[in-house]
Amino acid sequence: MEASVPGIDPKEIDVTFNKGVLTIKAEKKEEEKGKAYHKQATRRFFYKVMPSEVDSGSEPKATYKNGVMTVTFAKDAKILSKKIKVKTI
């Protein structure tokens, strides 16, 4: 799972995985005051995903690079689909 969170410090990103739901939240407020102006900006990012075929017993891994948060899960071998060969009788 990849989530775009540009301009956010990785320490300010909240990543949780609870009951099969991955949540990524981030918020950054900026304020700048000058003699003739007052500038205020807020950036918010919120992602909620229910990944399938994941091993709930293993710990997900989260990495951040160039404004993109990547969360990697181990696949559950029991859930993986498998091709069945059809025999002619």
N, C-alpha and C. Protein backbone atom coordinates (compact mmCIF):
# COMPACT_ATOMS: atom_id res chain seq x y z
N MET A 1 0.85 -1.16 0.00
CA MET A 1 0.00 0.00 0.00
C MET A 1 0.89 1.22 0.00
N GLU A 2 0.63 2.16 -0.91
CA GLU A 2 1.37 3.41 -0.96
C GLU A 2 0.41 4.57 -0.76
N ALA A 3 0.85 5.56 0.03
CA ALA A 3 0.05 6.74 0.29
C ALA A 3 0.92 7.98 0.10
N SER A 4 0.42 8.92 -0.66
CA SER A 4 1.14 10.16 -0.91
C SER A 4 0.90 11.14 0.24
N VAL A 5 1.98 11.55 0.89
CA VAL A 5 1.90 12.51 1.99
C VAL A 5 3.01 13.56 1.84
N PRO A 6 2.98 14.34 0.75
CA PRO A 6 4.07 15.28 0.48
C PRO A 6 4.16 16.40 1.51
N GLY A 7 5.38 16.76 1.84
CA GLY A 7 5.61 17.88 2.75
C GLY A 7 5.38 17.58 4.22
N ILE A 8 5.14 16.33 4.56
CA ILE A 8 4.89 15.95 5.94
C ILE A 8 6.12 15.21 6.47
N ASP A 9 6.54 15.59 7.69
CA ASP A 9 7.64 14.91 8.35
C ASP A 9 7.18 13.50 8.73
N PRO A 10 7.97 12.46 8.45
CA PRO A 10 7.54 11.09 8.78
C PRO A 10 7.19 10.89 10.25
N LYS A 11 7.79 11.69 11.13
CA LYS A 11 7.48 11.59 12.56
C LYS A 11 6.07 12.06 12.88
N GLU A 12 5.47 12.83 11.98
CA GLU A 12 4.12 13.36 12.19
C GLU A 12 3.04 12.53 11.52
N ILE A 13 3.41 11.37 10.96
CA ILE A 13 2.45 10.50 10.29
C ILE A 13 2.05 9.38 11.24
N ASP A 14 0.75 9.19 11.40
CA ASP A 14 0.22 8.16 12.28
C ASP A 14 -0.24 6.97 11.42
N VAL A 15 0.42 5.83 11.60
CA VAL A 15 0.09 4.62 10.84
C VAL A 15 -0.37 3.56 11.84
N THR A 16 -1.61 3.06 11.67
CA THR A 16 -2.13 2.01 12.55
C THR A 16 -2.74 0.89 11.72
N PHE A 17 -2.69 -0.31 12.27
CA PHE A 17 -3.33 -1.48 11.66
C PHE A 17 -4.10 -2.17 12.77
N ASN A 18 -5.43 -2.08 12.70
CA ASN A 18 -6.27 -2.61 13.76
C ASN A 18 -7.47 -3.34 13.15
N LYS A 19 -7.65 -4.59 13.55
CA LYS A 19 -8.78 -5.41 13.10
C LYS A 19 -8.89 -5.46 11.57
N GLY A 20 -7.77 -5.59 10.90
CA GLY A 20 -7.76 -5.72 9.44
C GLY A 20 -7.88 -4.43 8.67
N VAL A 21 -7.82 -3.28 9.36
CA VAL A 21 -7.95 -1.98 8.69
C VAL A 21 -6.66 -1.18 8.89
N LEU A 22 -6.06 -0.76 7.77
CA LEU A 22 -4.87 0.08 7.80
C LEU A 22 -5.31 1.54 7.71
N THR A 23 -4.84 2.37 8.65
CA THR A 23 -5.17 3.79 8.66
C THR A 23 -3.88 4.60 8.66
N ILE A 24 -3.81 5.58 7.74
CA ILE A 24 -2.68 6.50 7.66
C ILE A 24 -3.24 7.91 7.78
N LYS A 25 -2.79 8.65 8.82
CA LYS A 25 -3.26 10.02 9.04
C LYS A 25 -2.05 10.94 9.18
N ALA A 26 -2.17 12.12 8.60
CA ALA A 26 -1.11 13.12 8.72
C ALA A 26 -1.72 14.50 8.60
N GLU A 27 -1.16 15.44 9.36
CA GLU A 27 -1.63 16.82 9.30
C GLU A 27 -0.45 17.76 9.57
N LYS A 28 -0.41 18.85 8.82
CA LYS A 28 0.63 19.85 9.02
C LYS A 28 0.02 21.23 8.86
N LYS A 29 0.24 22.07 9.87
CA LYS A 29 -0.26 23.44 9.83
C LYS A 29 0.92 24.38 9.66
N GLU A 30 0.73 25.36 8.80
CA GLU A 30 1.76 26.36 8.55
C GLU A 30 1.16 27.74 8.73
N GLU A 31 1.94 28.62 9.33
CA GLU A 31 1.47 29.99 9.52
C GLU A 31 2.65 30.94 9.29
N GLU A 32 2.38 31.98 8.55
CA GLU A 32 3.41 32.96 8.24
C GLU A 32 2.81 34.35 8.35
N LYS A 33 3.49 35.22 9.08
CA LYS A 33 2.99 36.58 9.25
C LYS A 33 4.04 37.56 8.74
N GLY A 34 3.56 38.51 8.02
CA GLY A 34 4.41 39.58 7.53
C GLY A 34 3.79 40.92 7.90
N LYS A 35 4.40 41.99 7.49
CA LYS A 35 3.87 43.32 7.80
C LYS A 35 2.53 43.56 7.10
N ALA A 36 2.41 43.08 5.88
CA ALA A 36 1.20 43.38 5.11
C ALA A 36 0.32 42.15 4.87
N TYR A 37 0.71 41.00 5.41
CA TYR A 37 -0.09 39.81 5.12
C TYR A 37 -0.03 38.82 6.29
N HIS A 38 -0.97 37.90 6.26
CA HIS A 38 -1.02 36.79 7.21
C HIS A 38 -1.44 35.56 6.41
N LYS A 39 -0.58 34.57 6.36
CA LYS A 39 -0.84 33.38 5.55
C LYS A 39 -0.97 32.17 6.49
N GLN A 40 -2.04 31.39 6.27
CA GLN A 40 -2.27 30.19 7.04
C GLN A 40 -2.62 29.05 6.09
N ALA A 41 -2.03 27.89 6.32
CA ALA A 41 -2.32 26.74 5.45
C ALA A 41 -2.31 25.47 6.29
N THR A 42 -3.18 24.54 5.93
CA THR A 42 -3.24 23.24 6.60
C THR A 42 -3.28 22.15 5.53
N ARG A 43 -2.45 21.14 5.73
CA ARG A 43 -2.45 19.97 4.85
C ARG A 43 -2.91 18.78 5.67
N ARG A 44 -3.89 18.05 5.14
CA ARG A 44 -4.38 16.86 5.83
C ARG A 44 -4.44 15.70 4.84
N PHE A 45 -4.01 14.55 5.32
CA PHE A 45 -4.08 13.33 4.52
C PHE A 45 -4.69 12.24 5.39
N PHE A 46 -5.61 11.49 4.81
CA PHE A 46 -6.27 10.40 5.54
C PHE A 46 -6.53 9.26 4.57
N TYR A 47 -5.97 8.11 4.87
CA TYR A 47 -6.18 6.92 4.05
C TYR A 47 -6.68 5.80 4.96
N LYS A 48 -7.68 5.07 4.52
CA LYS A 48 -8.20 3.92 5.26
C LYS A 48 -8.40 2.79 4.25
N VAL A 49 -7.71 1.67 4.48
CA VAL A 49 -7.71 0.57 3.52
C VAL A 49 -7.89 -0.74 4.29
N MET A 50 -8.61 -1.68 3.67
CA MET A 50 -8.75 -3.02 4.22
C MET A 50 -7.99 -3.98 3.31
N PRO A 51 -6.70 -4.17 3.54
CA PRO A 51 -5.92 -5.04 2.66
C PRO A 51 -6.38 -6.49 2.79
N SER A 52 -6.39 -7.20 1.67
CA SER A 52 -6.79 -8.61 1.69
C SER A 52 -5.55 -9.49 1.58
N GLU A 53 -5.71 -10.73 1.90
CA GLU A 53 -4.65 -11.73 1.78
C GLU A 53 -3.41 -11.40 2.61
N VAL A 54 -3.59 -10.78 3.79
CA VAL A 54 -2.43 -10.46 4.63
C VAL A 54 -2.37 -11.40 5.82
N ASP A 55 -1.16 -11.65 6.27
CA ASP A 55 -0.93 -12.48 7.45
C ASP A 55 -1.10 -11.59 8.68
N SER A 56 -2.18 -11.79 9.41
CA SER A 56 -2.46 -10.93 10.56
C SER A 56 -1.49 -11.16 11.71
N GLY A 57 -0.76 -12.27 11.69
CA GLY A 57 0.20 -12.56 12.74
C GLY A 57 1.54 -11.87 12.57
N SER A 58 1.84 -11.40 11.38
CA SER A 58 3.14 -10.73 11.16
C SER A 58 2.98 -9.22 11.21
N GLU A 59 4.04 -8.56 11.58
CA GLU A 59 4.05 -7.11 11.73
C GLU A 59 4.24 -6.42 10.38
N PRO A 60 3.35 -5.47 10.01
CA PRO A 60 3.54 -4.71 8.76
C PRO A 60 4.78 -3.81 8.89
N LYS A 61 5.39 -3.47 7.76
CA LYS A 61 6.57 -2.60 7.75
C LYS A 61 6.22 -1.31 7.01
N ALA A 62 6.54 -0.17 7.62
CA ALA A 62 6.25 1.13 7.03
C ALA A 62 7.56 1.85 6.72
N THR A 63 7.66 2.39 5.50
CA THR A 63 8.83 3.18 5.10
C THR A 63 8.33 4.47 4.45
N TYR A 64 9.19 5.48 4.49
CA TYR A 64 8.85 6.79 3.93
C TYR A 64 10.00 7.26 3.05
N LYS A 65 9.66 7.67 1.82
CA LYS A 65 10.69 8.17 0.91
C LYS A 65 10.05 9.14 -0.07
N ASN A 66 10.63 10.34 -0.18
CA ASN A 66 10.21 11.34 -1.15
C ASN A 66 8.70 11.63 -1.11
N GLY A 67 8.14 11.75 0.08
CA GLY A 67 6.73 12.09 0.22
C GLY A 67 5.75 10.95 0.04
N VAL A 68 6.27 9.71 0.00
CA VAL A 68 5.39 8.55 -0.17
C VAL A 68 5.60 7.59 1.00
N MET A 69 4.51 7.28 1.70
CA MET A 69 4.53 6.29 2.77
C MET A 69 4.16 4.94 2.16
N THR A 70 5.00 3.93 2.37
CA THR A 70 4.75 2.59 1.85
C THR A 70 4.62 1.63 3.02
N VAL A 71 3.51 0.90 3.06
CA VAL A 71 3.29 -0.09 4.11
C VAL A 71 3.24 -1.45 3.42
N THR A 72 4.08 -2.39 3.90
CA THR A 72 4.20 -3.71 3.30
C THR A 72 3.72 -4.76 4.29
N PHE A 73 2.90 -5.67 3.79
CA PHE A 73 2.38 -6.77 4.60
C PHE A 73 2.88 -8.09 4.06
N ALA A 74 3.02 -9.07 4.94
CA ALA A 74 3.33 -10.44 4.51
C ALA A 74 2.02 -11.08 4.07
N LYS A 75 2.06 -11.84 2.99
CA LYS A 75 0.86 -12.52 2.50
C LYS A 75 0.61 -13.79 3.31
N ASP A 76 -0.64 -14.08 3.51
CA ASP A 76 -1.03 -15.30 4.22
C ASP A 76 -1.08 -16.45 3.22
N ALA A 77 -0.27 -17.47 3.44
CA ALA A 77 -0.19 -18.60 2.51
C ALA A 77 -1.50 -19.36 2.42
N LYS A 78 -2.29 -19.34 3.49
CA LYS A 78 -3.56 -20.07 3.48
C LYS A 78 -4.59 -19.39 2.59
N ILE A 79 -4.47 -18.09 2.40
CA ILE A 79 -5.46 -17.33 1.63
C ILE A 79 -5.10 -17.22 0.16
N LEU A 80 -3.84 -17.42 -0.16
CA LEU A 80 -3.41 -17.26 -1.56
C LEU A 80 -4.21 -18.18 -2.48
N SER A 81 -4.64 -17.63 -3.60
CA SER A 81 -5.37 -18.45 -4.56
C SER A 81 -4.40 -19.36 -5.30
N LYS A 82 -4.92 -20.48 -5.75
CA LYS A 82 -4.07 -21.42 -6.43
C LYS A 82 -4.80 -21.94 -7.66
N LYS A 83 -4.06 -22.08 -8.72
CA LYS A 83 -4.60 -22.56 -9.98
C LYS A 83 -4.86 -24.07 -9.89
N ILE A 84 -6.03 -24.48 -10.37
CA ILE A 84 -6.40 -25.90 -10.36
C ILE A 84 -6.42 -26.40 -11.80
N LYS A 85 -5.69 -27.47 -12.04
CA LYS A 85 -5.63 -28.05 -13.38
C LYS A 85 -6.90 -28.88 -13.61
N VAL A 86 -7.51 -28.67 -14.76
CA VAL A 86 -8.73 -29.39 -15.12
C VAL A 86 -8.34 -30.59 -15.96
N LYS A 87 -8.79 -31.77 -15.54
CA LYS A 87 -8.50 -33.01 -16.27
C LYS A 87 -9.73 -33.41 -17.08
N THR A 88 -9.48 -33.89 -18.26
CA THR A 88 -10.55 -34.40 -19.10
C THR A 88 -10.73 -35.89 -18.80
N ILE A 89 -11.97 -36.31 -18.57
CA ILE A 89 -12.20 -37.74 -18.28
C ILE A 89 -13.09 -38.36 -19.33
